[in-house]
Amino acid sequence: MTGEQIMFYLLGGGAVLASAAMLLPPMGRNPIHSAISLIVSFFFLAGLYALLSAHMLSVLQIIVYAGAVMVLFTFVIMLLNLSPDEMKDTVITPGRIAAGILALFVFGKLATAIQVATAGAQAVDLNDPGFAKFGTVPEVGRMMYTSFLVPFELVSVLLLVAAVGAVVLAKRSLKYVDRPQLTPAAHEHDAPDTDGDAHDAASHGGGH
C-alpha cells in the first residue's frame, strides 16, 4: 500500500466519521457541535481534493465552505435561539423510522447509480499534458461560468432562501423580549397610594 492510498483512507475515513458525528449523539444533540463536526469534514474533503491535484478546489473548500458558508450556518443557528428544552434527546417515532428506511433506500439507489456510471472508467493520468490545466484558477473559472453556471446560481439562491427561512423561523424568539405582563400583585405594588396621599394632605392642612 502506497503512502497516497494510506492518506486517502485516513482522509476519507475522517470525513465519514465527522459526517456521522454531525448527525449522531452526543455531537448531534447540539447544533453548534454539529456545525463544528461539519467544519472538520470540510477539512478532510479539502485534503482529498489535494490528493487529486485539485489544489484550487482544496483551497476553495477551506476558504468558502469551512469559512464563509459555516459562518452563515452558525449565524442562522444562533438566530434560531434554541432553548435547552428544544434540544432534548430525539424520540424515536414510527414516522422517523420510516424516514430512516427511505433514506437508506435513496442512498442505496445513489450508490448503485454511481457504480453503474463509473463502470469501466479509466484512471486519469495527471502527468498527461492534456491535463496540465486541471484544477487551475482559469480552468475552474471557465467551467464554473460556462458548463456549471446554472448549478452555481441555484446554489447561491438556495443559500439565500435558507437564510431568509431562518429569519422567519427566528421571529418566534421575539416572545422572549416582549414587554413583561405584570401580575395583579405587581399592579397593586406599582399603583399610586392615593389613600396615603390624601391622608398626608389632610394632616398638612390640619396643621396649618
N, C-alpha and C. Protein backbone atom coordinates (compact mmCIF):
# COMPACT_ATOMS: atom_id res chain seq x y z
N MET A 1 0.85 -1.20 0.00
CA MET A 1 0.00 0.00 0.00
C MET A 1 0.88 1.25 0.00
N THR A 2 0.62 2.13 -0.95
CA THR A 2 1.42 3.34 -1.08
C THR A 2 1.01 4.39 -0.06
N GLY A 3 1.87 5.41 0.08
CA GLY A 3 1.55 6.50 1.00
C GLY A 3 0.32 7.26 0.57
N GLU A 4 0.08 7.38 -0.74
CA GLU A 4 -1.12 8.09 -1.23
C GLU A 4 -2.39 7.34 -0.85
N GLN A 5 -2.34 6.00 -0.93
CA GLN A 5 -3.51 5.22 -0.54
C GLN A 5 -3.78 5.32 0.96
N ILE A 6 -2.71 5.34 1.75
CA ILE A 6 -2.88 5.49 3.20
C ILE A 6 -3.53 6.84 3.52
N MET A 7 -3.05 7.90 2.87
CA MET A 7 -3.64 9.22 3.10
C MET A 7 -5.10 9.26 2.65
N PHE A 8 -5.41 8.57 1.55
CA PHE A 8 -6.80 8.55 1.07
C PHE A 8 -7.71 7.90 2.10
N TYR A 9 -7.30 6.76 2.64
CA TYR A 9 -8.13 6.07 3.62
C TYR A 9 -8.25 6.88 4.91
N LEU A 10 -7.17 7.54 5.32
CA LEU A 10 -7.23 8.35 6.53
C LEU A 10 -8.18 9.54 6.34
N LEU A 11 -8.02 10.25 5.22
CA LEU A 11 -8.86 11.42 4.97
C LEU A 11 -10.31 11.03 4.70
N GLY A 12 -10.50 9.96 3.92
CA GLY A 12 -11.87 9.50 3.65
C GLY A 12 -12.57 9.00 4.90
N GLY A 13 -11.85 8.21 5.71
CA GLY A 13 -12.45 7.75 6.96
C GLY A 13 -12.75 8.89 7.91
N GLY A 14 -11.85 9.88 7.97
CA GLY A 14 -12.09 11.04 8.82
C GLY A 14 -13.31 11.83 8.37
N ALA A 15 -13.49 11.97 7.05
CA ALA A 15 -14.66 12.69 6.55
C ALA A 15 -15.95 11.95 6.89
N VAL A 16 -15.93 10.62 6.77
CA VAL A 16 -17.13 9.84 7.09
C VAL A 16 -17.45 9.93 8.58
N LEU A 17 -16.43 9.80 9.43
CA LEU A 17 -16.65 9.86 10.87
C LEU A 17 -17.15 11.25 11.30
N ALA A 18 -16.56 12.30 10.72
CA ALA A 18 -17.01 13.65 11.07
C ALA A 18 -18.44 13.89 10.61
N SER A 19 -18.82 13.34 9.46
CA SER A 19 -20.20 13.49 8.98
C SER A 19 -21.17 12.71 9.87
N ALA A 20 -20.74 11.53 10.33
CA ALA A 20 -21.61 10.77 11.24
C ALA A 20 -21.76 11.47 12.59
N ALA A 21 -20.66 12.06 13.08
CA ALA A 21 -20.72 12.79 14.35
C ALA A 21 -21.64 14.00 14.26
N MET A 22 -21.79 14.54 13.06
CA MET A 22 -22.66 15.70 12.87
C MET A 22 -24.13 15.33 13.11
N LEU A 23 -24.48 14.07 12.90
CA LEU A 23 -25.89 13.65 13.00
C LEU A 23 -26.18 12.83 14.24
N LEU A 24 -25.20 12.08 14.72
CA LEU A 24 -25.44 11.15 15.81
C LEU A 24 -25.04 11.77 17.14
N PRO A 25 -25.69 11.34 18.24
CA PRO A 25 -25.29 11.83 19.56
C PRO A 25 -23.91 11.28 19.93
N PRO A 26 -23.17 11.98 20.81
CA PRO A 26 -23.59 13.18 21.55
C PRO A 26 -23.43 14.49 20.78
N MET A 27 -22.62 14.51 19.70
CA MET A 27 -22.37 15.76 18.98
C MET A 27 -23.63 16.23 18.27
N GLY A 28 -24.44 15.31 17.79
CA GLY A 28 -25.63 15.68 17.03
C GLY A 28 -26.73 16.31 17.84
N ARG A 29 -26.63 16.27 19.18
CA ARG A 29 -27.68 16.86 20.00
C ARG A 29 -27.62 18.37 20.04
N ASN A 30 -26.46 18.94 19.78
CA ASN A 30 -26.28 20.39 19.85
C ASN A 30 -25.98 20.91 18.45
N PRO A 31 -26.73 21.89 17.94
CA PRO A 31 -26.48 22.40 16.58
C PRO A 31 -25.08 22.98 16.40
N ILE A 32 -24.55 23.63 17.43
CA ILE A 32 -23.21 24.20 17.31
C ILE A 32 -22.16 23.09 17.18
N HIS A 33 -22.31 22.04 17.97
CA HIS A 33 -21.39 20.91 17.87
C HIS A 33 -21.49 20.24 16.50
N SER A 34 -22.70 20.16 15.97
CA SER A 34 -22.88 19.60 14.63
C SER A 34 -22.18 20.46 13.59
N ALA A 35 -22.26 21.78 13.75
CA ALA A 35 -21.58 22.68 12.81
C ALA A 35 -20.06 22.50 12.88
N ILE A 36 -19.54 22.30 14.08
CA ILE A 36 -18.09 22.07 14.22
C ILE A 36 -17.69 20.76 13.53
N SER A 37 -18.50 19.72 13.69
CA SER A 37 -18.23 18.45 13.01
C SER A 37 -18.25 18.62 11.49
N LEU A 38 -19.17 19.46 11.00
CA LEU A 38 -19.23 19.72 9.57
C LEU A 38 -17.97 20.44 9.09
N ILE A 39 -17.46 21.36 9.88
CA ILE A 39 -16.21 22.05 9.52
C ILE A 39 -15.06 21.06 9.42
N VAL A 40 -14.99 20.12 10.38
CA VAL A 40 -13.94 19.11 10.35
C VAL A 40 -14.04 18.26 9.09
N SER A 41 -15.27 17.87 8.72
CA SER A 41 -15.43 17.08 7.50
C SER A 41 -15.02 17.88 6.26
N PHE A 42 -15.24 19.20 6.25
CA PHE A 42 -14.80 20.03 5.13
C PHE A 42 -13.28 20.01 4.99
N PHE A 43 -12.57 20.02 6.10
CA PHE A 43 -11.11 19.98 6.04
C PHE A 43 -10.63 18.64 5.50
N PHE A 44 -11.29 17.56 5.89
CA PHE A 44 -10.91 16.26 5.33
C PHE A 44 -11.17 16.21 3.83
N LEU A 45 -12.29 16.78 3.39
CA LEU A 45 -12.58 16.82 1.96
C LEU A 45 -11.56 17.67 1.21
N ALA A 46 -11.10 18.75 1.84
CA ALA A 46 -10.07 19.57 1.21
C ALA A 46 -8.79 18.75 1.01
N GLY A 47 -8.46 17.89 1.98
CA GLY A 47 -7.30 17.01 1.81
C GLY A 47 -7.49 16.03 0.67
N LEU A 48 -8.70 15.52 0.49
CA LEU A 48 -8.96 14.61 -0.63
C LEU A 48 -8.81 15.33 -1.96
N TYR A 49 -9.27 16.58 -2.04
CA TYR A 49 -9.08 17.36 -3.26
C TYR A 49 -7.59 17.56 -3.55
N ALA A 50 -6.81 17.79 -2.51
CA ALA A 50 -5.37 17.98 -2.71
C ALA A 50 -4.73 16.71 -3.25
N LEU A 51 -5.20 15.53 -2.79
CA LEU A 51 -4.66 14.27 -3.32
C LEU A 51 -4.98 14.10 -4.80
N LEU A 52 -6.07 14.70 -5.25
CA LEU A 52 -6.45 14.61 -6.67
C LEU A 52 -5.78 15.70 -7.51
N SER A 53 -4.84 16.42 -6.90
CA SER A 53 -4.13 17.52 -7.57
C SER A 53 -5.05 18.68 -7.91
N ALA A 54 -6.20 18.73 -7.29
CA ALA A 54 -7.13 19.86 -7.48
C ALA A 54 -6.89 20.86 -6.35
N HIS A 55 -5.74 21.51 -6.40
CA HIS A 55 -5.34 22.39 -5.31
C HIS A 55 -6.24 23.62 -5.21
N MET A 56 -6.74 24.08 -6.35
CA MET A 56 -7.65 25.23 -6.33
C MET A 56 -8.93 24.87 -5.58
N LEU A 57 -9.49 23.71 -5.86
CA LEU A 57 -10.69 23.28 -5.16
C LEU A 57 -10.42 23.04 -3.69
N SER A 58 -9.24 22.56 -3.37
CA SER A 58 -8.89 22.33 -1.97
C SER A 58 -8.88 23.64 -1.19
N VAL A 59 -8.28 24.68 -1.77
CA VAL A 59 -8.24 25.98 -1.10
C VAL A 59 -9.63 26.59 -1.01
N LEU A 60 -10.43 26.46 -2.09
CA LEU A 60 -11.79 26.99 -2.07
C LEU A 60 -12.65 26.27 -1.03
N GLN A 61 -12.41 24.97 -0.86
CA GLN A 61 -13.16 24.21 0.13
C GLN A 61 -12.95 24.79 1.53
N ILE A 62 -11.73 25.20 1.83
CA ILE A 62 -11.43 25.75 3.16
C ILE A 62 -11.93 27.19 3.28
N ILE A 63 -11.64 28.01 2.26
CA ILE A 63 -11.98 29.43 2.35
C ILE A 63 -13.49 29.65 2.27
N VAL A 64 -14.14 29.00 1.29
CA VAL A 64 -15.55 29.26 1.03
C VAL A 64 -16.45 28.47 1.98
N TYR A 65 -16.25 27.16 2.03
CA TYR A 65 -17.17 26.32 2.81
C TYR A 65 -16.82 26.31 4.29
N ALA A 66 -15.58 25.95 4.62
CA ALA A 66 -15.20 25.92 6.03
C ALA A 66 -15.14 27.31 6.63
N GLY A 67 -15.08 28.34 5.80
CA GLY A 67 -15.02 29.71 6.29
C GLY A 67 -16.34 30.44 6.16
N ALA A 68 -16.63 30.93 4.96
CA ALA A 68 -17.79 31.82 4.76
C ALA A 68 -19.11 31.10 4.98
N VAL A 69 -19.28 29.92 4.38
CA VAL A 69 -20.57 29.23 4.49
C VAL A 69 -20.84 28.79 5.92
N MET A 70 -19.81 28.34 6.63
CA MET A 70 -20.02 27.92 8.01
C MET A 70 -20.30 29.11 8.92
N VAL A 71 -19.77 30.27 8.59
CA VAL A 71 -20.15 31.48 9.34
C VAL A 71 -21.64 31.75 9.15
N LEU A 72 -22.13 31.57 7.93
CA LEU A 72 -23.56 31.75 7.66
C LEU A 72 -24.39 30.72 8.42
N PHE A 73 -23.96 29.47 8.40
CA PHE A 73 -24.70 28.42 9.13
C PHE A 73 -24.73 28.73 10.62
N THR A 74 -23.59 29.13 11.18
CA THR A 74 -23.54 29.44 12.61
C THR A 74 -24.43 30.63 12.94
N PHE A 75 -24.45 31.63 12.06
CA PHE A 75 -25.32 32.78 12.26
C PHE A 75 -26.78 32.37 12.27
N VAL A 76 -27.15 31.47 11.36
CA VAL A 76 -28.54 31.00 11.31
C VAL A 76 -28.89 30.22 12.56
N ILE A 77 -27.97 29.36 13.04
CA ILE A 77 -28.22 28.57 14.24
C ILE A 77 -28.40 29.48 15.45
N MET A 78 -27.53 30.49 15.57
CA MET A 78 -27.65 31.40 16.70
C MET A 78 -28.91 32.24 16.60
N LEU A 79 -29.33 32.54 15.36
CA LEU A 79 -30.54 33.34 15.17
C LEU A 79 -31.79 32.57 15.57
N LEU A 80 -31.74 31.24 15.46
CA LEU A 80 -32.90 30.44 15.86
C LEU A 80 -33.13 30.49 17.36
N ASN A 81 -32.08 30.76 18.12
CA ASN A 81 -32.21 30.94 19.58
C ASN A 81 -32.91 29.74 20.22
N LEU A 82 -32.35 28.55 19.98
CA LEU A 82 -32.94 27.34 20.51
C LEU A 82 -32.72 27.26 22.01
N SER A 83 -33.76 26.90 22.74
CA SER A 83 -33.66 26.74 24.18
C SER A 83 -33.22 25.31 24.49
N PRO A 84 -32.71 25.07 25.71
CA PRO A 84 -32.31 23.70 26.07
C PRO A 84 -33.44 22.69 25.95
N ASP A 85 -34.68 23.10 26.19
CA ASP A 85 -35.80 22.18 26.07
C ASP A 85 -36.01 21.72 24.63
N GLU A 86 -35.68 22.62 23.67
CA GLU A 86 -35.85 22.27 22.26
C GLU A 86 -34.72 21.41 21.73
N MET A 87 -33.64 21.26 22.48
CA MET A 87 -32.51 20.43 22.07
C MET A 87 -32.45 19.14 22.87
N LYS A 88 -33.61 18.67 23.35
CA LYS A 88 -33.64 17.45 24.13
C LYS A 88 -33.41 16.24 23.22
N ASP A 89 -33.24 15.09 23.85
CA ASP A 89 -32.94 13.88 23.10
C ASP A 89 -34.06 13.57 22.11
N THR A 90 -33.65 13.05 20.95
CA THR A 90 -34.61 12.71 19.90
C THR A 90 -35.43 11.49 20.30
N VAL A 91 -36.73 11.59 20.12
CA VAL A 91 -37.64 10.48 20.42
C VAL A 91 -37.89 9.70 19.13
N ILE A 92 -37.69 8.39 19.20
CA ILE A 92 -37.89 7.54 18.02
C ILE A 92 -39.39 7.31 17.83
N THR A 93 -39.88 7.72 16.68
CA THR A 93 -41.29 7.57 16.35
C THR A 93 -41.42 6.74 15.06
N PRO A 94 -42.58 6.18 14.80
CA PRO A 94 -42.75 5.41 13.54
C PRO A 94 -42.45 6.24 12.30
N GLY A 95 -42.80 7.53 12.34
CA GLY A 95 -42.51 8.38 11.19
C GLY A 95 -41.01 8.52 10.94
N ARG A 96 -40.24 8.66 12.01
CA ARG A 96 -38.79 8.78 11.85
C ARG A 96 -38.16 7.46 11.41
N ILE A 97 -38.71 6.35 11.88
CA ILE A 97 -38.21 5.05 11.41
C ILE A 97 -38.46 4.89 9.91
N ALA A 98 -39.65 5.29 9.47
CA ALA A 98 -39.95 5.21 8.04
C ALA A 98 -39.04 6.14 7.23
N ALA A 99 -38.76 7.34 7.78
CA ALA A 99 -37.87 8.27 7.10
C ALA A 99 -36.46 7.69 7.00
N GLY A 100 -36.00 7.01 8.06
CA GLY A 100 -34.67 6.39 8.02
C GLY A 100 -34.59 5.28 6.98
N ILE A 101 -35.64 4.46 6.90
CA ILE A 101 -35.66 3.39 5.89
C ILE A 101 -35.66 3.99 4.49
N LEU A 102 -36.44 5.06 4.28
CA LEU A 102 -36.47 5.71 2.98
C LEU A 102 -35.10 6.32 2.63
N ALA A 103 -34.43 6.89 3.62
CA ALA A 103 -33.10 7.47 3.38
C ALA A 103 -32.11 6.38 2.98
N LEU A 104 -32.16 5.23 3.66
CA LEU A 104 -31.27 4.12 3.29
C LEU A 104 -31.56 3.65 1.87
N PHE A 105 -32.83 3.61 1.49
CA PHE A 105 -33.18 3.20 0.13
C PHE A 105 -32.63 4.18 -0.89
N VAL A 106 -32.76 5.50 -0.60
CA VAL A 106 -32.26 6.51 -1.53
C VAL A 106 -30.74 6.42 -1.66
N PHE A 107 -30.05 6.25 -0.53
CA PHE A 107 -28.59 6.13 -0.59
C PHE A 107 -28.17 4.87 -1.34
N GLY A 108 -28.94 3.80 -1.17
CA GLY A 108 -28.63 2.58 -1.91
C GLY A 108 -28.77 2.77 -3.41
N LYS A 109 -29.85 3.44 -3.81
CA LYS A 109 -30.03 3.72 -5.24
C LYS A 109 -28.95 4.65 -5.77
N LEU A 110 -28.53 5.62 -4.94
CA LEU A 110 -27.47 6.53 -5.35
C LEU A 110 -26.15 5.78 -5.53
N ALA A 111 -25.84 4.87 -4.60
CA ALA A 111 -24.61 4.09 -4.72
C ALA A 111 -24.65 3.21 -5.97
N THR A 112 -25.82 2.64 -6.25
CA THR A 112 -25.96 1.81 -7.46
C THR A 112 -25.76 2.64 -8.72
N ALA A 113 -26.34 3.85 -8.75
CA ALA A 113 -26.19 4.72 -9.92
C ALA A 113 -24.73 5.12 -10.13
N ILE A 114 -24.03 5.41 -9.04
CA ILE A 114 -22.61 5.78 -9.16
C ILE A 114 -21.80 4.60 -9.66
N GLN A 115 -22.11 3.40 -9.16
CA GLN A 115 -21.37 2.22 -9.60
C GLN A 115 -21.59 1.94 -11.08
N VAL A 116 -22.83 2.10 -11.54
CA VAL A 116 -23.13 1.87 -12.96
C VAL A 116 -22.46 2.93 -13.83
N ALA A 117 -22.49 4.20 -13.36
CA ALA A 117 -21.92 5.29 -14.16
C ALA A 117 -20.40 5.20 -14.26
N THR A 118 -19.76 4.66 -13.24
CA THR A 118 -18.29 4.60 -13.24
C THR A 118 -17.76 3.24 -13.69
N ALA A 119 -18.63 2.34 -14.11
CA ALA A 119 -18.17 1.02 -14.56
C ALA A 119 -17.33 1.16 -15.82
N GLY A 120 -16.16 0.61 -15.79
CA GLY A 120 -15.26 0.67 -16.95
C GLY A 120 -14.55 1.99 -17.13
N ALA A 121 -14.64 2.89 -16.17
CA ALA A 121 -13.96 4.19 -16.29
C ALA A 121 -12.46 4.00 -16.13
N GLN A 122 -11.73 4.76 -16.89
CA GLN A 122 -10.27 4.69 -16.86
C GLN A 122 -9.71 5.77 -15.94
N ALA A 123 -8.66 5.44 -15.22
CA ALA A 123 -8.00 6.41 -14.35
C ALA A 123 -7.33 7.49 -15.20
N VAL A 124 -7.40 8.72 -14.73
CA VAL A 124 -6.82 9.85 -15.45
C VAL A 124 -5.35 9.97 -15.09
N ASP A 125 -4.52 10.09 -16.11
CA ASP A 125 -3.09 10.30 -15.89
C ASP A 125 -2.84 11.80 -15.79
N LEU A 126 -2.59 12.29 -14.57
CA LEU A 126 -2.39 13.72 -14.38
C LEU A 126 -1.08 14.21 -14.96
N ASN A 127 -0.19 13.30 -15.32
CA ASN A 127 1.07 13.71 -15.97
C ASN A 127 0.90 13.94 -17.46
N ASP A 128 -0.27 13.61 -17.98
CA ASP A 128 -0.55 13.84 -19.39
C ASP A 128 -0.62 15.34 -19.65
N PRO A 129 0.05 15.85 -20.69
CA PRO A 129 -0.01 17.30 -20.98
C PRO A 129 -1.42 17.82 -21.21
N GLY A 130 -2.33 16.95 -21.59
CA GLY A 130 -3.70 17.38 -21.81
C GLY A 130 -4.42 17.78 -20.53
N PHE A 131 -3.89 17.33 -19.39
CA PHE A 131 -4.49 17.67 -18.11
C PHE A 131 -3.62 18.62 -17.31
N ALA A 132 -2.77 19.36 -18.00
CA ALA A 132 -1.87 20.27 -17.31
C ALA A 132 -2.63 21.41 -16.61
N LYS A 133 -3.77 21.78 -17.17
CA LYS A 133 -4.55 22.89 -16.59
C LYS A 133 -5.59 22.41 -15.59
N PHE A 134 -5.61 21.13 -15.27
CA PHE A 134 -6.61 20.59 -14.37
C PHE A 134 -6.47 21.21 -12.98
N GLY A 135 -7.57 21.76 -12.48
CA GLY A 135 -7.57 22.32 -11.14
C GLY A 135 -7.01 23.72 -11.02
N THR A 136 -6.61 24.35 -12.12
CA THR A 136 -6.06 25.69 -12.05
C THR A 136 -7.19 26.72 -11.97
N VAL A 137 -6.82 27.95 -11.57
CA VAL A 137 -7.82 29.01 -11.42
C VAL A 137 -8.53 29.31 -12.74
N PRO A 138 -7.83 29.50 -13.86
CA PRO A 138 -8.54 29.78 -15.12
C PRO A 138 -9.49 28.65 -15.53
N GLU A 139 -9.05 27.40 -15.33
CA GLU A 139 -9.89 26.28 -15.75
C GLU A 139 -11.13 26.17 -14.87
N VAL A 140 -10.97 26.35 -13.56
CA VAL A 140 -12.13 26.29 -12.67
C VAL A 140 -13.10 27.43 -12.98
N GLY A 141 -12.58 28.65 -13.21
CA GLY A 141 -13.44 29.77 -13.55
C GLY A 141 -14.18 29.56 -14.86
N ARG A 142 -13.49 28.98 -15.84
CA ARG A 142 -14.14 28.74 -17.13
C ARG A 142 -15.29 27.74 -16.99
N MET A 143 -15.06 26.65 -16.26
CA MET A 143 -16.11 25.64 -16.10
C MET A 143 -17.25 26.16 -15.23
N MET A 144 -16.92 26.97 -14.22
CA MET A 144 -17.96 27.47 -13.32
C MET A 144 -18.92 28.41 -14.03
N TYR A 145 -18.41 29.22 -14.95
CA TYR A 145 -19.25 30.22 -15.61
C TYR A 145 -19.65 29.81 -17.02
N THR A 146 -19.42 28.56 -17.38
CA THR A 146 -19.89 28.05 -18.68
C THR A 146 -20.72 26.78 -18.47
N SER A 147 -20.05 25.68 -18.19
CA SER A 147 -20.75 24.40 -18.08
C SER A 147 -21.60 24.31 -16.82
N PHE A 148 -21.15 24.91 -15.72
CA PHE A 148 -21.85 24.77 -14.45
C PHE A 148 -22.41 26.10 -13.95
N LEU A 149 -22.78 26.97 -14.86
CA LEU A 149 -23.31 28.28 -14.46
C LEU A 149 -24.66 28.15 -13.76
N VAL A 150 -25.56 27.33 -14.30
CA VAL A 150 -26.89 27.19 -13.70
C VAL A 150 -26.82 26.55 -12.30
N PRO A 151 -26.09 25.44 -12.11
CA PRO A 151 -25.98 24.91 -10.74
C PRO A 151 -25.34 25.89 -9.77
N PHE A 152 -24.36 26.66 -10.26
CA PHE A 152 -23.70 27.64 -9.40
C PHE A 152 -24.68 28.71 -8.91
N GLU A 153 -25.52 29.20 -9.80
CA GLU A 153 -26.51 30.21 -9.42
C GLU A 153 -27.61 29.61 -8.55
N LEU A 154 -28.00 28.37 -8.80
CA LEU A 154 -29.03 27.73 -7.99
C LEU A 154 -28.55 27.54 -6.54
N VAL A 155 -27.28 27.22 -6.38
CA VAL A 155 -26.75 27.07 -5.02
C VAL A 155 -26.78 28.41 -4.28
N SER A 156 -26.46 29.49 -4.96
CA SER A 156 -26.50 30.81 -4.32
C SER A 156 -27.93 31.17 -3.92
N VAL A 157 -28.90 30.86 -4.77
CA VAL A 157 -30.30 31.13 -4.44
C VAL A 157 -30.74 30.26 -3.26
N LEU A 158 -30.27 29.01 -3.23
CA LEU A 158 -30.61 28.10 -2.13
C LEU A 158 -30.10 28.64 -0.79
N LEU A 159 -28.88 29.16 -0.77
CA LEU A 159 -28.34 29.73 0.46
C LEU A 159 -29.14 30.96 0.89
N LEU A 160 -29.54 31.77 -0.08
CA LEU A 160 -30.34 32.96 0.25
C LEU A 160 -31.69 32.56 0.84
N VAL A 161 -32.35 31.57 0.24
CA VAL A 161 -33.64 31.11 0.75
C VAL A 161 -33.48 30.53 2.15
N ALA A 162 -32.39 29.81 2.40
CA ALA A 162 -32.16 29.23 3.73
C ALA A 162 -31.98 30.32 4.77
N ALA A 163 -31.26 31.38 4.43
CA ALA A 163 -31.07 32.48 5.37
C ALA A 163 -32.38 33.20 5.67
N VAL A 164 -33.19 33.44 4.62
CA VAL A 164 -34.49 34.10 4.82
C VAL A 164 -35.41 33.21 5.65
N GLY A 165 -35.40 31.91 5.38
CA GLY A 165 -36.23 30.99 6.15
C GLY A 165 -35.83 30.96 7.62
N ALA A 166 -34.52 31.04 7.90
CA ALA A 166 -34.07 31.07 9.28
C ALA A 166 -34.54 32.34 10.00
N VAL A 167 -34.54 33.46 9.29
CA VAL A 167 -35.03 34.70 9.90
C VAL A 167 -36.51 34.59 10.22
N VAL A 168 -37.29 33.98 9.31
CA VAL A 168 -38.72 33.82 9.55
C VAL A 168 -38.97 32.90 10.74
N LEU A 169 -38.20 31.82 10.83
CA LEU A 169 -38.35 30.90 11.96
C LEU A 169 -37.94 31.56 13.27
N ALA A 170 -36.95 32.44 13.19
CA ALA A 170 -36.44 33.07 14.41
C ALA A 170 -37.40 34.12 14.96
N LYS A 171 -38.42 34.50 14.21
CA LYS A 171 -39.36 35.51 14.70
C LYS A 171 -40.10 35.04 15.95
N ARG A 172 -40.21 33.74 16.13
CA ARG A 172 -40.88 33.25 17.32
C ARG A 172 -40.09 33.56 18.58
N SER A 173 -38.79 33.85 18.46
CA SER A 173 -37.99 34.15 19.63
C SER A 173 -38.27 35.55 20.16
N LEU A 174 -39.10 36.33 19.47
CA LEU A 174 -39.42 37.66 19.97
C LEU A 174 -40.24 37.60 21.24
N LYS A 175 -40.82 36.44 21.55
CA LYS A 175 -41.60 36.34 22.79
C LYS A 175 -40.72 36.52 24.01
N TYR A 176 -39.41 36.34 23.85
CA TYR A 176 -38.52 36.50 24.99
C TYR A 176 -38.20 37.96 25.27
N VAL A 177 -38.49 38.83 24.30
CA VAL A 177 -38.19 40.24 24.50
C VAL A 177 -39.45 41.09 24.56
N ASP A 178 -40.62 40.45 24.59
CA ASP A 178 -41.85 41.22 24.72
C ASP A 178 -41.92 41.88 26.09
N ARG A 179 -42.77 42.89 26.18
CA ARG A 179 -42.94 43.57 27.45
C ARG A 179 -43.54 42.62 28.47
N PRO A 180 -42.94 42.46 29.62
CA PRO A 180 -43.47 41.51 30.60
C PRO A 180 -44.85 41.92 31.08
N GLN A 181 -45.70 40.93 31.29
CA GLN A 181 -47.04 41.17 31.79
C GLN A 181 -47.01 41.21 33.33
N LEU A 182 -47.49 42.29 33.90
CA LEU A 182 -47.47 42.44 35.35
C LEU A 182 -48.60 41.65 35.99
N THR A 183 -48.30 41.01 37.08
CA THR A 183 -49.31 40.27 37.85
C THR A 183 -50.17 41.25 38.64
N PRO A 184 -51.36 40.82 39.12
CA PRO A 184 -52.19 41.72 39.94
C PRO A 184 -51.45 42.26 41.16
N ALA A 185 -50.60 41.41 41.77
CA ALA A 185 -49.85 41.89 42.93
C ALA A 185 -48.89 43.00 42.53
N ALA A 186 -48.28 42.85 41.33
CA ALA A 186 -47.37 43.89 40.87
C ALA A 186 -48.12 45.18 40.56
N HIS A 187 -49.36 45.04 40.03
CA HIS A 187 -50.15 46.23 39.77
C HIS A 187 -50.47 46.97 41.08
N GLU A 188 -50.80 46.22 42.12
CA GLU A 188 -51.09 46.86 43.40
C GLU A 188 -49.86 47.53 43.98
N HIS A 189 -48.70 46.90 43.72
CA HIS A 189 -47.47 47.48 44.26
C HIS A 189 -47.08 48.75 43.52
N ASP A 190 -47.32 48.75 42.19
CA ASP A 190 -46.94 49.92 41.39
C ASP A 190 -47.99 51.01 41.38
N ALA A 191 -49.24 50.71 41.83
CA ALA A 191 -50.30 51.72 41.78
C ALA A 191 -50.01 52.83 42.78
N PRO A 192 -50.35 54.07 42.44
CA PRO A 192 -50.10 55.17 43.38
C PRO A 192 -50.96 55.05 44.64
N ASP A 193 -50.36 55.35 45.74
CA ASP A 193 -51.04 55.24 47.04
C ASP A 193 -51.89 56.50 47.23
N THR A 194 -53.11 56.49 46.68
CA THR A 194 -53.97 57.68 46.75
C THR A 194 -54.47 57.91 48.16
N ASP A 195 -54.75 56.82 48.90
CA ASP A 195 -55.23 56.99 50.27
C ASP A 195 -54.17 57.62 51.14
N GLY A 196 -52.91 57.19 50.94
CA GLY A 196 -51.82 57.76 51.73
C GLY A 196 -51.60 59.21 51.41
N ASP A 197 -51.70 59.55 50.11
CA ASP A 197 -51.51 60.96 49.72
C ASP A 197 -52.62 61.83 50.30
N ALA A 198 -53.86 61.32 50.28
CA ALA A 198 -54.97 62.11 50.84
C ALA A 198 -54.80 62.30 52.34
N HIS A 199 -54.32 61.24 53.02
CA HIS A 199 -54.12 61.35 54.46
C HIS A 199 -53.02 62.37 54.78
N ASP A 200 -51.92 62.36 53.96
CA ASP A 200 -50.86 63.34 54.18
C ASP A 200 -51.35 64.75 53.91
N ALA A 201 -52.17 64.93 52.88
CA ALA A 201 -52.67 66.26 52.58
C ALA A 201 -53.57 66.76 53.70
N ALA A 202 -54.38 65.84 54.27
CA ALA A 202 -55.26 66.28 55.36
C ALA A 202 -54.46 66.64 56.60
N SER A 203 -53.39 65.89 56.83
CA SER A 203 -52.56 66.20 58.00
C SER A 203 -51.88 67.54 57.87
N HIS A 204 -51.34 67.82 56.66
CA HIS A 204 -50.70 69.11 56.45
C HIS A 204 -51.74 70.24 56.54
N GLY A 205 -52.95 70.01 56.01
CA GLY A 205 -53.97 71.03 56.06
C GLY A 205 -54.41 71.32 57.50
N GLY A 206 -54.53 70.23 58.30
CA GLY A 206 -54.93 70.41 59.69
C GLY A 206 -53.87 71.12 60.50
N GLY A 207 -52.61 70.89 60.14
CA GLY A 207 -51.52 71.56 60.87
C GLY A 207 -51.52 73.04 60.63
N HIS A 208 -51.87 73.40 59.37
CA HIS A 208 -51.88 74.82 59.07
C HIS A 208 -53.12 75.46 59.68
